[in-house]
Every structure is written in C-alpha cells, then in structure tokens.
Amino acid sequence: MKTESAEQGLQDMESESLRSIRVIASPAASSEFLPALPDASEYRKHAPATQPKRVFVPHAEPEHVFDIKYYTRDRRRTPPTTTELEVSLAEITIEGVPPTAGKWYEAGKLCHFTDNPGDGYQK
C-alpha cells in the first residue's frame, strides 16, 4: 500500500513538473494568437503538375512569340559579322565635309567588336 502511494506521489510530482515546463508564457499563449506558418493545404494551392488552367502559348501571333535561345542574346558567342556600307560616288567626293542637317553621320565601316583592323595595330 505504501509503495503504491509512493509511486502515485512520484507520478504526481513528475506530471506537475512536466506541466510547468509546457506552460507557454508569451503572446503565443493567448487565444487570439494566429500561427505564422500556414497549414499544408494553404501553403501550395496547386502543384506545378496539377494546374487548374492550361497554359496559353501564343503560336499563331508572331508579335507575341519571342526568341528565347541563349546564344542569340550572348554577344561573346555570336559569329563575327561585318556590315559593309554602300557608299555612293557623291559621298566619296565630299568626304571631308560635315553632313547636312537631318542625316546620320557615319564614322566609317561598321565591323564586329572582335574584328580588329590591322590586327589591332591601327586605330
């Protein structure tokens, strides 16, 4: 009998000490506290594989179709190209005269930035 009451007393002491450890003394202890983390059902409504609508890919409207290839935007990997300007005889004869108003001034032959005239020894 005494052993049972002693065991019961030990169990009561353990439960009281554990209960005091579990007491939360913070704003989270109030009933108005809303948890910061959403539930699993609220976290991601639709998985990427189960979207509710089909994705619209514009294939019939060329103004909305974009070229997304990487090498077309990478300037270092583009093939070296030169743009030859057609020069008329009138422009050759008036080479040193500044351009007239309303025309673009072209400073010479356009070339790719990796092309160095004279292997880089000319300016």
C-alpha atoms as a PDB file:
ATOM      1  CA  MET A   1       0.000   0.000   0.000  1.00  0.00           C
ATOM      2  CA  LYS A   2       2.720   2.385   0.944  1.00  0.00           C
ATOM      3  CA  THR A   3       4.642   1.558  -2.209  1.00  0.00           C
ATOM      4  CA  GLU A   4       1.596   2.277  -4.338  1.00  0.00           C
ATOM      5  CA  SER A   5       1.032   5.651  -2.646  1.00  0.00           C
ATOM      6  CA  ALA A   6       4.733   6.455  -3.018  1.00  0.00           C
ATOM      7  CA  GLU A   7       4.605   5.587  -6.719  1.00  0.00           C
ATOM      8  CA  GLN A   8       1.462   7.679  -7.102  1.00  0.00           C
ATOM      9  CA  GLY A   9       3.179  10.609  -5.368  1.00  0.00           C
ATOM     10  CA  LEU A  10       6.184  10.323  -7.707  1.00  0.00           C
ATOM     11  CA  GLN A  11       3.908  10.241 -10.730  1.00  0.00           C
ATOM     12  CA  ASP A  12       2.037  13.329  -9.485  1.00  0.00           C
ATOM     13  CA  MET A  13       5.320  15.193  -8.962  1.00  0.00           C
ATOM     14  CA  GLU A  14       6.537  14.229 -12.434  1.00  0.00           C
ATOM     15  CA  SER A  15       3.300  15.282 -14.093  1.00  0.00           C
ATOM     16  CA  GLU A  16       3.293  18.648 -12.245  1.00  0.00           C
ATOM     17  CA  SER A  17       6.902  19.359 -13.202  1.00  0.00           C
ATOM     18  CA  LEU A  18       6.224  18.417 -16.824  1.00  0.00           C
ATOM     19  CA  ARG A  19       3.085  20.555 -16.851  1.00  0.00           C
ATOM     20  CA  SER A  20       5.047  23.566 -15.589  1.00  0.00           C
ATOM     21  CA  ILE A  21       7.635  23.036 -18.345  1.00  0.00           C
ATOM     22  CA  ARG A  22       4.958  23.003 -21.051  1.00  0.00           C
ATOM     23  CA  VAL A  23       3.377  26.290 -19.954  1.00  0.00           C
ATOM     24  CA  ILE A  24       3.971  28.927 -22.629  1.00  0.00           C
ATOM     25  CA  ALA A  25       4.386  32.424 -21.228  1.00  0.00           C
ATOM     26  CA  SER A  26       4.393  34.515 -24.403  1.00  0.00           C
ATOM     27  CA  PRO A  27       1.948  36.132 -26.843  1.00  0.00           C
ATOM     28  CA  ALA A  28       1.519  32.696 -28.403  1.00  0.00           C
ATOM     29  CA  ALA A  29      -0.289  31.566 -25.247  1.00  0.00           C
ATOM     30  CA  SER A  30      -3.275  33.834 -25.913  1.00  0.00           C
ATOM     31  CA  SER A  31      -6.338  32.531 -27.700  1.00  0.00           C
ATOM     32  CA  GLU A  32      -6.109  35.359 -30.276  1.00  0.00           C
ATOM     33  CA  PHE A  33      -2.679  34.254 -31.481  1.00  0.00           C
ATOM     34  CA  LEU A  34      -2.641  33.219 -35.124  1.00  0.00           C
ATOM     35  CA  PRO A  35       0.116  30.862 -36.178  1.00  0.00           C
ATOM     36  CA  ALA A  36       2.585  32.377 -38.633  1.00  0.00           C
ATOM     37  CA  LEU A  37       3.024  29.237 -40.686  1.00  0.00           C
ATOM     38  CA  PRO A  38       0.148  28.271 -42.981  1.00  0.00           C
ATOM     39  CA  ASP A  39      -1.356  24.826 -42.980  1.00  0.00           C
ATOM     40  CA  ALA A  40      -0.165  22.341 -45.558  1.00  0.00           C
ATOM     41  CA  SER A  41      -3.392  22.755 -47.525  1.00  0.00           C
ATOM     42  CA  GLU A  42      -2.927  26.547 -47.636  1.00  0.00           C
ATOM     43  CA  TYR A  43       0.782  26.509 -48.459  1.00  0.00           C
ATOM     44  CA  ARG A  44       0.505  25.489 -52.102  1.00  0.00           C
ATOM     45  CA  LYS A  45      -2.934  25.529 -53.593  1.00  0.00           C
ATOM     46  CA  HIS A  46      -1.940  23.842 -56.840  1.00  0.00           C
ATOM     47  CA  ALA A  47       1.153  21.843 -57.555  1.00  0.00           C
ATOM     48  CA  PRO A  48       3.014  22.617 -60.797  1.00  0.00           C
ATOM     49  CA  ALA A  49       1.812  19.357 -62.327  1.00  0.00           C
ATOM     50  CA  THR A  50      -1.853  19.939 -61.442  1.00  0.00           C
ATOM     51  CA  GLN A  51      -2.603  23.489 -62.559  1.00  0.00           C
ATOM     52  CA  PRO A  52      -6.300  24.331 -62.907  1.00  0.00           C
ATOM     53  CA  LYS A  53      -5.939  26.056 -66.298  1.00  0.00           C
ATOM     54  CA  ARG A  54      -3.905  25.172 -69.333  1.00  0.00           C
ATOM     55  CA  VAL A  55      -1.027  27.440 -70.188  1.00  0.00           C
ATOM     56  CA  PHE A  56      -1.666  29.614 -73.234  1.00  0.00           C
ATOM     57  CA  VAL A  57       1.285  29.533 -75.618  1.00  0.00           C
ATOM     58  CA  PRO A  58       0.854  32.031 -78.454  1.00  0.00           C
ATOM     59  CA  HIS A  59       1.951  30.285 -81.627  1.00  0.00           C
ATOM     60  CA  ALA A  60      -0.283  31.966 -84.194  1.00  0.00           C
ATOM     61  CA  GLU A  61       0.669  35.545 -83.272  1.00  0.00           C
ATOM     62  CA  PRO A  62       4.258  36.239 -84.367  1.00  0.00           C
ATOM     63  CA  GLU A  63       4.444  39.546 -82.487  1.00  0.00           C
ATOM     64  CA  HIS A  64       3.957  37.650 -79.209  1.00  0.00           C
ATOM     65  CA  VAL A  65       6.389  34.811 -79.892  1.00  0.00           C
ATOM     66  CA  PHE A  66       9.862  35.570 -78.586  1.00  0.00           C
ATOM     67  CA  ASP A  67      13.207  34.048 -79.435  1.00  0.00           C
ATOM     68  CA  ILE A  68      14.422  32.696 -76.092  1.00  0.00           C
ATOM     69  CA  LYS A  69      17.565  30.960 -77.286  1.00  0.00           C
ATOM     70  CA  TYR A  70      20.532  31.892 -75.135  1.00  0.00           C
ATOM     71  CA  TYR A  71      23.127  32.198 -77.876  1.00  0.00           C
ATOM     72  CA  THR A  72      21.156  34.879 -79.691  1.00  0.00           C
ATOM     73  CA  ARG A  73      21.497  37.153 -76.653  1.00  0.00           C
ATOM     74  CA  ASP A  74      25.101  36.286 -75.808  1.00  0.00           C
ATOM     75  CA  ARG A  75      27.321  38.828 -77.550  1.00  0.00           C
ATOM     76  CA  ARG A  76      30.549  36.876 -76.989  1.00  0.00           C
ATOM     77  CA  ARG A  77      29.331  33.767 -78.792  1.00  0.00           C
ATOM     78  CA  THR A  78      27.786  35.433 -81.810  1.00  0.00           C
ATOM     79  CA  PRO A  79      29.639  34.747 -85.036  1.00  0.00           C
ATOM     80  CA  PRO A  80      31.843  37.626 -86.151  1.00  0.00           C
ATOM     81  CA  THR A  81      29.945  39.650 -88.715  1.00  0.00           C
ATOM     82  CA  THR A  82      30.820  42.775 -90.644  1.00  0.00           C
ATOM     83  CA  THR A  83      28.339  45.210 -92.078  1.00  0.00           C
ATOM     84  CA  GLU A  84      29.501  46.761 -95.333  1.00  0.00           C
ATOM     85  CA  LEU A  85      28.019  50.163 -96.045  1.00  0.00           C
ATOM     86  CA  GLU A  86      27.198  51.042 -99.616  1.00  0.00           C
ATOM     87  CA  VAL A  87      28.940  54.292-100.433  1.00  0.00           C
ATOM     88  CA  SER A  88      27.752  56.373-103.359  1.00  0.00           C
ATOM     89  CA  LEU A  89      30.083  58.360-105.591  1.00  0.00           C
ATOM     90  CA  ALA A  90      28.667  61.642-104.252  1.00  0.00           C
ATOM     91  CA  GLU A  91      29.693  60.724-100.709  1.00  0.00           C
ATOM     92  CA  ILE A  92      33.205  59.781-101.823  1.00  0.00           C
ATOM     93  CA  THR A  93      33.814  63.165-103.441  1.00  0.00           C
ATOM     94  CA  ILE A  94      32.623  65.122-100.393  1.00  0.00           C
ATOM     95  CA  GLU A  95      34.440  63.040 -97.787  1.00  0.00           C
ATOM     96  CA  GLY A  96      35.814  65.820 -95.568  1.00  0.00           C
ATOM     97  CA  VAL A  97      32.656  67.949 -95.487  1.00  0.00           C
ATOM     98  CA  PRO A  98      30.411  67.606 -92.393  1.00  0.00           C
ATOM     99  CA  PRO A  99      26.987  66.039 -93.034  1.00  0.00           C
ATOM    100  CA  THR A 100      23.940  68.096 -93.850  1.00  0.00           C
ATOM    101  CA  ALA A 101      21.206  68.570 -91.284  1.00  0.00           C
ATOM    102  CA  GLY A 102      18.858  65.611 -90.883  1.00  0.00           C
ATOM    103  CA  LYS A 103      21.332  62.886 -91.879  1.00  0.00           C
ATOM    104  CA  TRP A 104      23.242  60.470 -89.687  1.00  0.00           C
ATOM    105  CA  TYR A 105      26.977  60.862 -89.565  1.00  0.00           C
ATOM    106  CA  GLU A 106      28.714  57.550 -90.153  1.00  0.00           C
ATOM    107  CA  ALA A 107      32.287  57.466 -88.938  1.00  0.00           C
ATOM    108  CA  GLY A 108      33.418  54.645 -91.194  1.00  0.00           C
ATOM    109  CA  LYS A 109      32.849  50.983 -91.891  1.00  0.00           C
ATOM    110  CA  LEU A 110      30.915  49.099 -89.226  1.00  0.00           C
ATOM    111  CA  CYS A 111      32.534  45.894 -88.047  1.00  0.00           C
ATOM    112  CA  HIS A 112      32.078  43.352 -85.278  1.00  0.00           C
ATOM    113  CA  PHE A 113      33.715  44.284 -81.991  1.00  0.00           C
ATOM    114  CA  THR A 114      36.089  41.304 -82.182  1.00  0.00           C
ATOM    115  CA  ASP A 115      37.370  42.383 -85.590  1.00  0.00           C
ATOM    116  CA  ASN A 116      40.494  44.479 -85.170  1.00  0.00           C
ATOM    117  CA  PRO A 117      41.614  46.232 -88.347  1.00  0.00           C
ATOM    118  CA  GLY A 118      45.290  45.538 -88.963  1.00  0.00           C
ATOM    119  CA  ASP A 119      45.383  43.025 -86.070  1.00  0.00           C
ATOM    120  CA  GLY A 120      44.927  45.816 -83.535  1.00  0.00           C
ATOM    121  CA  TYR A 121      47.846  47.967 -84.688  1.00  0.00           C
ATOM    122  CA  GLN A 122      45.646  50.524 -86.431  1.00  0.00           C
ATOM    123  CA  LYS A 123      43.289  52.922 -84.741  1.00  0.00           C
END
